[in-house]
Protein backbone atom coordinates (compact mmCIF):
# COMPACT_ATOMS: atom_id res chain seq x y z
CA MET A 1 -68.50 12.00 -11.18
CA PHE A 2 -69.91 14.93 -11.23
CA LYS A 3 -69.17 16.61 -8.22
CA VAL A 4 -65.49 15.27 -8.90
CA LEU A 5 -65.58 17.37 -12.34
CA ALA A 6 -67.53 20.36 -10.29
CA VAL A 7 -64.94 21.07 -7.61
CA PRO A 8 -62.43 21.99 -10.08
CA MET A 9 -64.45 23.68 -12.41
CA LEU A 10 -65.32 26.00 -9.83
CA ALA A 11 -62.05 27.08 -9.07
CA LEU A 12 -61.14 27.38 -12.53
CA ALA A 13 -64.28 29.87 -12.94
CA LEU A 14 -63.59 31.89 -9.48
CA SER A 15 -59.98 32.13 -10.50
CA ALA A 16 -60.86 33.35 -13.88
CA CYS A 17 -63.07 36.11 -12.25
CA SER A 18 -60.38 37.19 -9.32
CA MET A 19 -58.21 37.76 -12.24
CA SER A 20 -61.04 39.56 -14.30
CA MET A 21 -61.47 42.55 -11.87
CA MET A 22 -58.56 43.45 -11.39
CA ALA A 23 -57.21 46.05 -14.00
CA LYS A 24 -54.46 46.67 -16.59
CA PRO A 25 -51.86 47.89 -15.07
CA THR A 26 -50.94 52.21 -16.55
CA ASP A 27 -47.00 52.78 -16.09
CA TYR A 28 -46.08 55.85 -15.92
CA THR A 29 -42.42 57.44 -16.31
CA LEU A 30 -40.60 59.44 -13.17
CA GLY A 31 -39.07 62.52 -14.15
CA LYS A 32 -35.93 63.74 -12.40
CA GLN A 33 -36.75 66.53 -9.47
CA PRO A 34 -34.55 69.98 -8.57
CA ALA A 35 -34.11 68.46 -5.47
CA GLY A 36 -32.08 65.58 -7.04
CA ASN A 37 -28.89 67.29 -7.61
CA ALA A 38 -26.42 65.03 -8.42
CA LEU A 39 -28.55 61.97 -9.00
CA ASN A 40 -29.24 61.04 -12.41
CA SER A 41 -32.65 59.05 -11.20
CA SER A 42 -35.48 57.67 -13.86
CA GLY A 43 -37.63 54.49 -13.56
CA THR A 44 -41.33 53.70 -13.84
CA VAL A 45 -44.66 53.53 -11.81
CA SER A 46 -46.81 50.79 -12.76
CA VAL A 47 -50.44 51.52 -10.93
CA SER A 48 -52.90 48.81 -10.79
CA HIS A 49 -56.43 48.63 -8.90
CA SER A 50 -58.04 45.18 -7.99
CA GLY A 51 -61.47 45.52 -5.78
CA ASN A 52 -60.98 48.41 -3.48
CA MET A 53 -57.10 48.56 -4.23
CA VAL A 54 -54.57 50.29 -5.39
CA MET A 55 -50.65 48.60 -5.71
CA THR A 56 -48.45 50.67 -6.93
CA THR A 57 -44.92 49.23 -7.81
CA ALA A 58 -41.93 51.88 -8.48
CA LYS A 59 -38.71 50.61 -10.28
CA VAL A 60 -35.96 53.54 -10.13
CA MET A 61 -32.07 53.39 -10.77
CA GLY A 62 -29.81 56.50 -10.56
CA LEU A 63 -30.33 57.06 -6.83
CA ALA A 64 -27.60 57.15 -4.30
CA PRO A 65 -26.44 53.51 -3.11
CA ASN A 66 -27.70 52.03 0.29
CA THR A 67 -29.48 55.04 0.99
CA TYR A 68 -33.66 55.09 2.25
CA TYR A 69 -36.50 56.37 -0.15
CA VAL A 70 -39.83 57.13 0.71
CA ALA A 71 -42.21 57.43 -1.79
CA HIS A 72 -46.07 58.55 -1.92
CA TYR A 73 -49.41 60.05 -3.81
CA HIS A 74 -49.71 63.93 -3.69
CA LEU A 75 -52.57 65.90 -3.90
CA GLN A 76 -52.72 69.18 -6.31
CA GLY A 77 -51.21 71.92 -4.79
CA ALA A 78 -51.40 75.52 -5.30
CA ALA A 79 -48.05 76.37 -6.49
CA SER A 80 -47.63 75.26 -10.21
CA THR A 81 -50.47 73.79 -12.90
CA ASP A 82 -47.54 71.54 -12.98
CA ALA A 83 -48.73 68.37 -10.66
CA CYS A 84 -45.13 67.62 -9.87
CA ALA A 85 -44.36 71.15 -8.96
CA SER A 86 -47.63 71.76 -6.94
CA GLY A 87 -46.31 71.50 -3.63
CA GLY A 88 -49.25 68.93 -2.95
CA THR A 89 -50.18 67.60 -0.06
CA PRO A 90 -48.93 64.29 0.27
CA ILE A 91 -51.25 61.25 1.20
CA MET A 92 -49.36 59.20 3.82
CA SER A 93 -51.36 56.39 3.89
CA SER A 94 -49.91 55.35 0.47
CA LYS A 95 -46.24 55.50 1.91
CA ILE A 96 -43.97 53.24 0.31
CA VAL A 97 -40.25 53.37 1.98
CA GLY A 98 -37.32 50.84 0.91
CA MET A 99 -33.60 51.27 0.54
CA SER A 100 -31.66 50.86 -3.03
CA ASP A 101 -29.44 48.75 -3.77
CA ALA A 102 -25.19 48.84 -3.83
CA MET A 103 -26.14 49.81 -7.47
CA GLY A 104 -28.49 52.62 -7.01
CA MET A 105 -31.45 50.59 -7.58
CA LEU A 106 -34.10 50.28 -5.48
CA THR A 107 -37.98 48.21 -5.94
CA LEU A 108 -41.40 49.59 -4.17
CA THR A 109 -44.42 47.80 -3.73
CA GLY A 110 -47.07 48.85 -1.65
CA SER A 111 -51.03 48.80 -1.83
CA VAL A 112 -53.38 51.36 -0.62
CA ALA A 113 -57.26 51.90 -0.19
CA ALA A 114 -58.25 53.16 -3.23
CA ALA A 115 -60.56 55.90 -1.79
CA ASP A 116 -57.11 57.32 -0.12
CA VAL A 117 -56.04 58.00 -3.96
CA MET A 118 -58.55 58.89 -5.34
CA SER A 119 -58.07 62.09 -5.96
CA ALA A 120 -54.09 61.99 -5.96
CA THR A 121 -51.92 64.01 -9.24
CA TYR A 122 -48.78 62.98 -8.68
CA PHE A 123 -46.52 60.31 -7.28
CA ASN A 124 -43.55 61.28 -5.68
CA ILE A 125 -39.90 59.50 -4.30
CA HIS A 126 -37.64 61.30 -1.77
CA THR A 127 -34.89 60.94 -0.11
CA ALA A 128 -36.30 59.31 3.59
CA SER A 129 -33.30 60.53 7.09
CA ASP A 130 -34.80 57.79 8.30
CA ALA A 131 -35.91 53.80 7.93
CA ALA A 132 -39.14 54.94 9.25
CA GLY A 133 -39.24 56.96 5.66
CA THR A 134 -39.14 60.80 6.67
CA PRO A 135 -38.62 62.61 3.75
CA ALA A 136 -35.35 64.59 4.01
CA ASP A 137 -36.13 66.46 1.16
CA ALA A 138 -38.73 67.93 -1.75
CA GLY A 139 -38.82 65.07 -3.72
CA ILE A 140 -36.14 63.57 -6.31
CA SER A 141 -37.96 62.26 -8.93
CA CYS A 142 -41.67 62.09 -9.99
CA THR A 143 -44.56 61.63 -12.15
CA ALA A 144 -47.52 63.07 -12.70
CA ILE A 145 -51.11 60.85 -12.63
CA ALA A 146 -53.78 60.25 -14.07
CA LYS A 147 -56.73 60.73 -11.36
CA MET A 148 -58.15 57.39 -10.15
CA MET A 149 -61.71 58.37 -9.42
């Protein structure tokens, strides 16, 4: 009888342990960038940690319909103290590509090794020139983020 009860209890304990290892997400608000031109993009970015991975979900509206977009984290650049205007180096391992729907809405979800983005200072969304996610502009929507060290 003990063995029958022990297996479900062990599964419950392990699931509780794995859930507690995943930190509460940090949410950020996207702001429009100058390269956004006539777009009225807005949205949120949710960042959470689980073990040695960082999970990112961006929900954006006000985009051009049926258009590819690419997003990724960036390091702080030297052009400005404002992270989104600093012109920092993109962290390409964090690249997420997706296509907006007919209403101009887009959800991007991806994960990256925490070590890759631990020094990132902002998350930028660009119009993409192709399905591979080649950036076509300097960024249409951006948010500064807290360093993940």
